[in-house]
């Protein structure tokens, strides 16, 4: 197990080098000039040229990439062109917001998706099966930006039930410890802030959870149907075991490996997919941070953030692989 984890971590090095090359290359292909974004349209040609020289934008491509890679190796994610602040510090401040949103969305997706998939499999071809799988099809097909805007229009503009944006209402005080607002409100016993944070989380969380929820529900149903036809399930039924024990203790456990794979992949993708959700709901996380950086041609921010998200994605997949061993002892790590 330990050797396998070490080998996977070593494999992370070439992956990150490849991601860094792609991120560095693609951001430089985006039309626009960082110097123009900083100085504005009224800047003279001399001013623009002086700023490009100061930022190193006139250097050859390989020299710029070498400088970027050298900083990364030293643990320096660079300095934002727009704010002049350390990218690492800004990411440290904004990453908890994205993680909180992603975890909240993933919990919703897992609970509802797995339950819907199990019930649909047990009651195959029933009205619930048809309704849930049709809903899952719509969930996969609906664009997040459209769903988010519709939710704001219905729940914020029309009925004024939920706040349309942000993490915390103005005037609500919260002592931050971990920068995970839900956790901080529990740790400090601030239940007013807890409910306020929860209401802010609901709409972006549901919007972000829609696609993984649908995928998890369909995968759970498919895996459960395959397991329910196995001989040991028939034997358990013949022995007179209670239905919940057969479904959750025997069937679901053995059907969980494909579902776990999907959960791991979807959680990693939520971090990247949060760009649209955070932009629509003005959520102050990494996704909106990258979006604003792309608009401002802030190369260091975009490059470093993509690299950090890639690291998290690979680590989530590693944890998923390790969990296989605990769900199925027959799996051996060579």
Protein backbone atom coordinates (compact mmCIF):
# COMPACT_ATOMS: atom_id res chain seq x y z
CA UNK A 1 0.00 0.00 0.00
CA UNK A 2 2.73 2.47 1.02
CA UNK A 3 4.83 1.65 -2.05
CA UNK A 4 1.78 2.11 -4.28
CA UNK A 5 1.03 5.55 -2.78
CA UNK A 6 4.67 6.63 -3.15
CA UNK A 7 4.70 5.45 -6.77
CA UNK A 8 1.49 7.34 -7.52
CA UNK A 9 2.88 10.49 -5.91
CA UNK A 10 6.04 10.20 -8.02
CA UNK A 11 3.86 9.85 -11.11
CA UNK A 12 2.40 13.21 -10.14
CA UNK A 13 5.62 14.94 -11.25
CA UNK A 14 5.36 14.30 -15.05
CA UNK A 15 1.61 14.97 -14.89
CA UNK A 16 2.18 18.38 -13.31
CA UNK A 17 4.92 19.21 -15.80
CA UNK A 18 2.52 18.43 -18.64
CA UNK A 19 -0.25 20.48 -17.01
CA UNK A 20 2.14 23.40 -16.48
CA UNK A 21 3.16 23.36 -20.17
CA UNK A 22 -0.48 23.27 -21.32
CA UNK A 23 -1.59 25.97 -18.88
CA UNK A 24 1.33 28.23 -19.75
CA UNK A 25 0.87 27.74 -23.50
CA UNK A 26 -2.91 28.11 -23.64
CA UNK A 27 -3.08 31.28 -21.55
CA UNK A 28 -0.53 32.92 -23.87
CA UNK A 29 -2.72 32.03 -26.85
CA UNK A 30 -5.66 33.98 -25.41
CA UNK A 31 -6.07 37.29 -27.27
CA UNK A 32 -5.31 40.38 -25.23
CA UNK A 33 -2.48 42.25 -23.56
CA UNK A 34 -1.91 42.21 -19.77
CA UNK A 35 -0.20 45.59 -19.98
CA UNK A 36 -3.24 47.08 -21.72
CA UNK A 37 -5.55 45.54 -19.09
CA UNK A 38 -3.54 47.16 -16.30
CA UNK A 39 -2.90 50.61 -17.79
CA UNK A 40 -6.19 51.01 -19.67
CA UNK A 41 -7.04 52.13 -23.17
CA UNK A 42 -5.50 55.61 -22.76
CA UNK A 43 -1.98 54.32 -22.10
CA UNK A 44 0.70 55.39 -24.57
CA UNK A 45 2.84 52.98 -26.56
CA UNK A 46 5.91 53.85 -24.47
CA UNK A 47 4.06 53.15 -21.22
CA UNK A 48 2.81 49.81 -22.53
CA UNK A 49 6.26 48.79 -23.72
CA UNK A 50 7.87 49.76 -20.40
CA UNK A 51 5.33 47.70 -18.44
CA UNK A 52 5.76 44.69 -20.74
CA UNK A 53 9.49 44.88 -20.17
CA UNK A 54 9.00 45.14 -16.40
CA UNK A 55 6.68 42.10 -16.35
CA UNK A 56 9.01 40.07 -18.58
CA UNK A 57 6.38 39.70 -21.32
CA UNK A 58 8.91 40.59 -24.01
CA UNK A 59 11.16 37.66 -23.09
CA UNK A 60 11.16 34.55 -25.31
CA UNK A 61 8.50 31.91 -24.56
CA UNK A 62 10.96 29.34 -23.19
CA UNK A 63 12.57 31.91 -20.90
CA UNK A 64 9.18 32.88 -19.48
CA UNK A 65 8.23 29.23 -18.96
CA UNK A 66 11.58 28.44 -17.35
CA UNK A 67 11.10 31.33 -14.93
CA UNK A 68 7.56 30.12 -14.12
CA UNK A 69 8.70 26.51 -13.60
CA UNK A 70 11.63 27.62 -11.44
CA UNK A 71 9.29 29.58 -9.17
CA UNK A 72 6.93 26.59 -8.88
CA UNK A 73 9.78 24.26 -7.88
CA UNK A 74 10.68 26.71 -5.09
CA UNK A 75 7.06 26.78 -3.91
CA UNK A 76 6.46 30.28 -5.28
CA UNK A 77 3.22 30.55 -7.28
CA UNK A 78 4.13 34.00 -8.51
CA UNK A 79 2.66 37.45 -8.08
CA UNK A 80 -0.66 38.63 -9.48
CA UNK A 81 -0.25 41.18 -12.27
CA UNK A 82 -3.47 42.93 -11.25
CA UNK A 83 -3.30 43.01 -7.44
CA UNK A 84 0.49 42.71 -6.96
CA UNK A 85 -0.27 40.18 -4.20
CA UNK A 86 1.17 36.68 -3.84
CA UNK A 87 -0.91 34.18 -5.85
CA UNK A 88 -0.28 31.55 -3.17
CA UNK A 89 -1.69 33.82 -0.47
CA UNK A 90 -4.76 34.73 -2.51
CA UNK A 91 -5.39 31.07 -3.35
CA UNK A 92 -5.05 30.17 0.33
CA UNK A 93 -7.74 32.75 1.12
CA UNK A 94 -10.13 31.70 -1.67
CA UNK A 95 -9.69 27.93 -1.79
CA UNK A 96 -11.78 27.26 1.37
CA UNK A 97 -14.80 28.93 -0.26
CA UNK A 98 -14.53 26.66 -3.31
CA UNK A 99 -13.88 23.56 -1.21
CA UNK A 100 -16.86 24.33 1.02
CA UNK A 101 -19.12 24.75 -2.01
CA UNK A 102 -17.75 21.61 -3.70
CA UNK A 103 -18.08 19.45 -0.55
CA UNK A 104 -21.62 20.72 0.08
CA UNK A 105 -22.60 20.02 -3.53
CA UNK A 106 -20.95 16.57 -3.43
CA UNK A 107 -22.78 15.59 -0.24
CA UNK A 108 -26.09 16.56 -1.86
CA UNK A 109 -25.18 14.65 -5.03
CA UNK A 110 -24.12 11.50 -3.14
CA UNK A 111 -27.08 11.34 -0.73
CA UNK A 112 -29.79 12.06 -3.30
CA UNK A 113 -28.08 10.32 -6.22
CA UNK A 114 -27.31 7.06 -4.38
CA UNK A 115 -30.76 6.87 -2.75
CA UNK A 116 -32.51 7.57 -6.05
CA UNK A 117 -30.37 4.99 -7.85
CA UNK A 118 -30.97 2.30 -5.21
CA UNK A 119 -34.74 2.83 -5.11
CA UNK A 120 -34.90 2.93 -8.93
CA UNK A 121 -33.02 -0.37 -9.14
CA UNK A 122 -35.13 -2.10 -6.46
CA UNK A 123 -38.35 -0.84 -8.06
CA UNK A 124 -37.24 -1.33 -11.67
CA UNK A 125 -39.71 -0.07 -14.31
CA UNK A 126 -41.90 1.55 -11.63
CA UNK A 127 -43.10 5.15 -11.83
CA UNK A 128 -40.24 6.18 -9.50
CA UNK A 129 -37.67 4.49 -11.75
CA UNK A 130 -39.00 6.22 -14.85
CA UNK A 131 -39.35 9.60 -13.11
CA UNK A 132 -35.91 9.55 -11.46
CA UNK A 133 -34.06 8.45 -14.60
CA UNK A 134 -35.89 11.07 -16.68
CA UNK A 135 -34.90 13.65 -14.06
CA UNK A 136 -31.32 12.39 -14.20
CA UNK A 137 -31.32 12.84 -17.98
CA UNK A 138 -32.52 16.42 -17.58
CA UNK A 139 -29.95 16.98 -14.82
CA UNK A 140 -27.09 15.98 -17.11
CA UNK A 141 -28.46 18.06 -19.99
CA UNK A 142 -29.26 21.33 -18.19
CA UNK A 143 -26.49 23.96 -18.50
CA UNK A 144 -25.34 25.17 -15.08
CA UNK A 145 -25.40 28.85 -16.09
CA UNK A 146 -29.06 28.61 -17.22
CA UNK A 147 -30.11 26.67 -14.12
CA UNK A 148 -28.31 29.15 -11.86
CA UNK A 149 -29.96 32.16 -13.47
CA UNK A 150 -33.40 30.52 -13.28
CA UNK A 151 -32.89 29.75 -9.59
CA UNK A 152 -31.90 33.36 -8.88
CA UNK A 153 -34.94 34.63 -10.80
CA UNK A 154 -37.36 32.29 -8.97
CA UNK A 155 -36.02 32.14 -5.42
CA UNK A 156 -34.37 35.57 -5.11
CA UNK A 157 -36.13 37.95 -7.48
CA UNK A 158 -39.67 36.53 -7.57
CA UNK A 159 -40.16 35.06 -4.07
CA UNK A 160 -37.21 36.66 -2.21
CA UNK A 161 -36.56 33.44 -0.26
CA UNK A 162 -32.81 32.98 -0.73
CA UNK A 163 -29.95 35.47 -1.17
CA UNK A 164 -28.77 35.74 -4.80
CA UNK A 165 -25.01 35.99 -4.20
CA UNK A 166 -22.11 35.99 -1.75
CA UNK A 167 -21.23 33.78 1.24
CA UNK A 168 -22.48 35.90 4.14
CA UNK A 169 -25.04 38.68 4.49
CA UNK A 170 -23.92 42.20 5.33
CA UNK A 171 -24.25 42.82 9.06
CA UNK A 172 -23.79 39.17 10.07
CA UNK A 173 -20.60 38.78 12.08
CA UNK A 174 -18.58 35.57 11.97
CA UNK A 175 -15.24 34.83 13.59
CA UNK A 176 -13.21 32.97 10.97
CA UNK A 177 -10.94 30.15 12.12
CA UNK A 178 -10.66 27.82 9.12
CA UNK A 179 -12.31 30.06 6.47
CA UNK A 180 -14.89 27.29 6.03
CA UNK A 181 -17.83 29.41 7.11
CA UNK A 182 -20.19 26.55 8.04
CA UNK A 183 -17.51 24.91 10.16
CA UNK A 184 -16.46 28.23 11.72
CA UNK A 185 -20.05 29.05 12.68
CA UNK A 186 -20.37 25.65 14.40
CA UNK A 187 -17.02 25.97 16.19
CA UNK A 188 -17.92 29.43 17.50
CA UNK A 189 -21.54 28.51 18.28
CA UNK A 190 -22.81 31.31 16.02
CA UNK A 191 -26.08 29.76 14.82
CA UNK A 192 -27.29 33.00 13.23
CA UNK A 193 -24.28 32.96 10.95
CA UNK A 194 -24.72 29.19 10.40
CA UNK A 195 -28.22 29.57 8.95
CA UNK A 196 -27.17 32.62 6.97
CA UNK A 197 -24.22 30.74 5.43
CA UNK A 198 -26.47 27.74 4.71
CA UNK A 199 -29.01 29.89 2.84
CA UNK A 200 -26.18 31.35 0.75
CA UNK A 201 -24.90 27.83 0.01
CA UNK A 202 -28.21 26.33 -1.09
CA UNK A 203 -28.63 27.72 -4.60
CA UNK A 204 -25.02 27.48 -5.82
CA UNK A 205 -24.71 24.09 -4.10
CA UNK A 206 -27.80 22.67 -5.79
CA UNK A 207 -26.79 24.12 -9.17
CA UNK A 208 -23.30 22.63 -8.88
CA UNK A 209 -24.64 19.27 -7.62
CA UNK A 210 -27.12 18.75 -10.46
CA UNK A 211 -24.83 17.06 -12.97
CA UNK A 212 -22.90 14.78 -10.54
CA UNK A 213 -26.19 13.88 -8.83
CA UNK A 214 -27.66 12.72 -12.12
CA UNK A 215 -24.54 10.75 -13.08
CA UNK A 216 -24.31 9.09 -9.64
CA UNK A 217 -28.00 8.13 -9.74
CA UNK A 218 -27.68 6.48 -13.15
CA UNK A 219 -24.45 4.68 -12.22
CA UNK A 220 -25.90 3.46 -8.90
CA UNK A 221 -28.99 2.10 -10.63
CA UNK A 222 -26.92 0.33 -13.28
CA UNK A 223 -24.53 -1.23 -10.73
CA UNK A 224 -27.35 -2.26 -8.41
CA UNK A 225 -29.29 -3.98 -11.22
CA UNK A 226 -26.20 -5.99 -12.10
CA UNK A 227 -25.62 -7.04 -8.47
CA UNK A 228 -29.27 -7.80 -7.71
CA UNK A 229 -29.19 -10.62 -10.28
CA UNK A 230 -26.24 -12.37 -8.60
CA UNK A 231 -26.66 -15.78 -6.96
CA UNK A 232 -25.71 -14.59 -3.46
CA UNK A 233 -28.55 -12.06 -3.52
CA UNK A 234 -31.01 -14.81 -4.48
CA UNK A 235 -29.59 -16.93 -1.66
CA UNK A 236 -30.03 -14.09 0.81
CA UNK A 237 -33.64 -13.70 -0.31
CA UNK A 238 -34.21 -17.44 -0.02
CA UNK A 239 -32.86 -17.41 3.55
CA UNK A 240 -35.44 -14.79 4.44
CA UNK A 241 -33.08 -11.92 5.25
CA UNK A 242 -34.76 -8.58 5.65
CA UNK A 243 -34.95 -6.49 2.49
CA UNK A 244 -32.99 -3.48 3.86
CA UNK A 245 -30.13 -5.76 4.94
CA UNK A 246 -29.99 -7.39 1.50
CA UNK A 247 -30.08 -4.05 -0.30
CA UNK A 248 -27.70 -1.94 1.77
CA UNK A 249 -25.40 -4.47 3.42
CA UNK A 250 -24.95 -6.92 0.55
CA UNK A 251 -26.04 -5.39 -2.75
CA UNK A 252 -25.01 -1.74 -2.33
CA UNK A 253 -21.62 -2.57 -0.84
CA UNK A 254 -20.73 -4.78 -3.81
CA UNK A 255 -22.16 -2.27 -6.29
CA UNK A 256 -20.24 0.66 -4.80
CA UNK A 257 -16.91 0.40 -6.67
CA UNK A 258 -18.15 1.93 -9.97
CA UNK A 259 -20.12 4.50 -7.97
CA UNK A 260 -17.01 5.41 -5.96
CA UNK A 261 -15.06 5.91 -9.19
CA UNK A 262 -17.71 8.30 -10.48
CA UNK A 263 -17.82 10.17 -7.16
CA UNK A 264 -14.04 10.65 -7.17
CA UNK A 265 -14.01 11.92 -10.76
CA UNK A 266 -17.00 14.19 -10.24
CA UNK A 267 -15.57 15.74 -7.08
CA UNK A 268 -12.37 16.59 -8.92
CA UNK A 269 -14.37 18.04 -11.81
CA UNK A 270 -16.50 20.13 -9.43
CA UNK A 271 -13.44 22.23 -8.62
CA UNK A 272 -13.06 23.12 -12.29
CA UNK A 273 -16.78 23.32 -12.98
CA UNK A 274 -17.22 25.78 -10.12
CA UNK A 275 -16.01 28.60 -12.42
CA UNK A 276 -19.49 29.08 -13.95
CA UNK A 277 -21.35 28.59 -10.67
CA UNK A 278 -19.13 30.97 -8.72
CA UNK A 279 -19.35 33.60 -11.47
CA UNK A 280 -23.16 33.46 -11.58
CA UNK A 281 -23.64 33.59 -7.79
CA UNK A 282 -20.66 35.92 -7.14
CA UNK A 283 -19.16 33.26 -4.89
CA UNK A 284 -15.72 34.49 -3.73
CA UNK A 285 -13.84 31.28 -4.52
CA UNK A 286 -11.13 30.02 -6.84
CA UNK A 287 -13.48 29.67 -9.83
CA UNK A 288 -14.46 33.34 -9.82
CA UNK A 289 -10.84 34.24 -9.08
CA UNK A 290 -9.72 32.47 -12.26
CA UNK A 291 -12.57 33.97 -14.29
CA UNK A 292 -11.58 37.51 -13.32
CA UNK A 293 -7.92 36.64 -13.94
CA UNK A 294 -8.70 35.47 -17.48
CA UNK A 295 -10.60 38.71 -18.18
CA UNK A 296 -7.66 40.72 -16.83
CA UNK A 297 -5.04 38.57 -18.65
CA UNK A 298 -3.46 37.84 -15.28
CA UNK A 299 -1.15 35.05 -16.46
CA UNK A 300 0.44 34.03 -13.11
CA UNK A 301 -2.97 33.61 -11.45
CA UNK A 302 -4.42 31.43 -14.23
CA UNK A 303 -1.31 29.27 -14.60
CA UNK A 304 -0.81 28.65 -10.88
CA UNK A 305 -4.51 28.04 -10.16
CA UNK A 306 -4.79 25.43 -12.92
CA UNK A 307 -1.73 23.72 -11.47
CA UNK A 308 -3.19 23.67 -7.94
CA UNK A 309 -6.54 22.30 -9.21
CA UNK A 310 -4.65 19.58 -11.12
CA UNK A 311 -2.82 18.58 -7.92
CA UNK A 312 -6.11 18.36 -5.99
CA UNK A 313 -7.71 16.35 -8.82
CA UNK A 314 -4.86 13.81 -8.84
CA UNK A 315 -4.88 13.51 -5.03
CA UNK A 316 -8.65 12.91 -5.02
CA UNK A 317 -8.17 10.10 -7.55
CA UNK A 318 -5.41 8.63 -5.36
CA UNK A 319 -7.71 8.63 -2.32
CA UNK A 320 -10.42 6.98 -4.45
CA UNK A 321 -8.01 4.21 -5.45
CA UNK A 322 -7.00 3.60 -1.84
CA UNK A 323 -10.66 3.37 -0.78
CA UNK A 324 -11.12 0.50 -3.26
CA UNK A 325 -9.01 -1.68 -0.97
CA UNK A 326 -11.31 -1.08 1.98
CA UNK A 327 -14.48 -1.72 -0.01
CA UNK A 328 -13.14 -4.85 -1.72
CA UNK A 329 -10.35 -6.75 0.13
CA UNK A 330 -9.75 -8.85 -2.99
CA UNK A 331 -8.09 -5.86 -4.67
CA UNK A 332 -4.31 -6.02 -4.49
CA UNK A 333 -1.96 -3.09 -5.11
CA UNK A 334 0.94 -4.38 -7.16
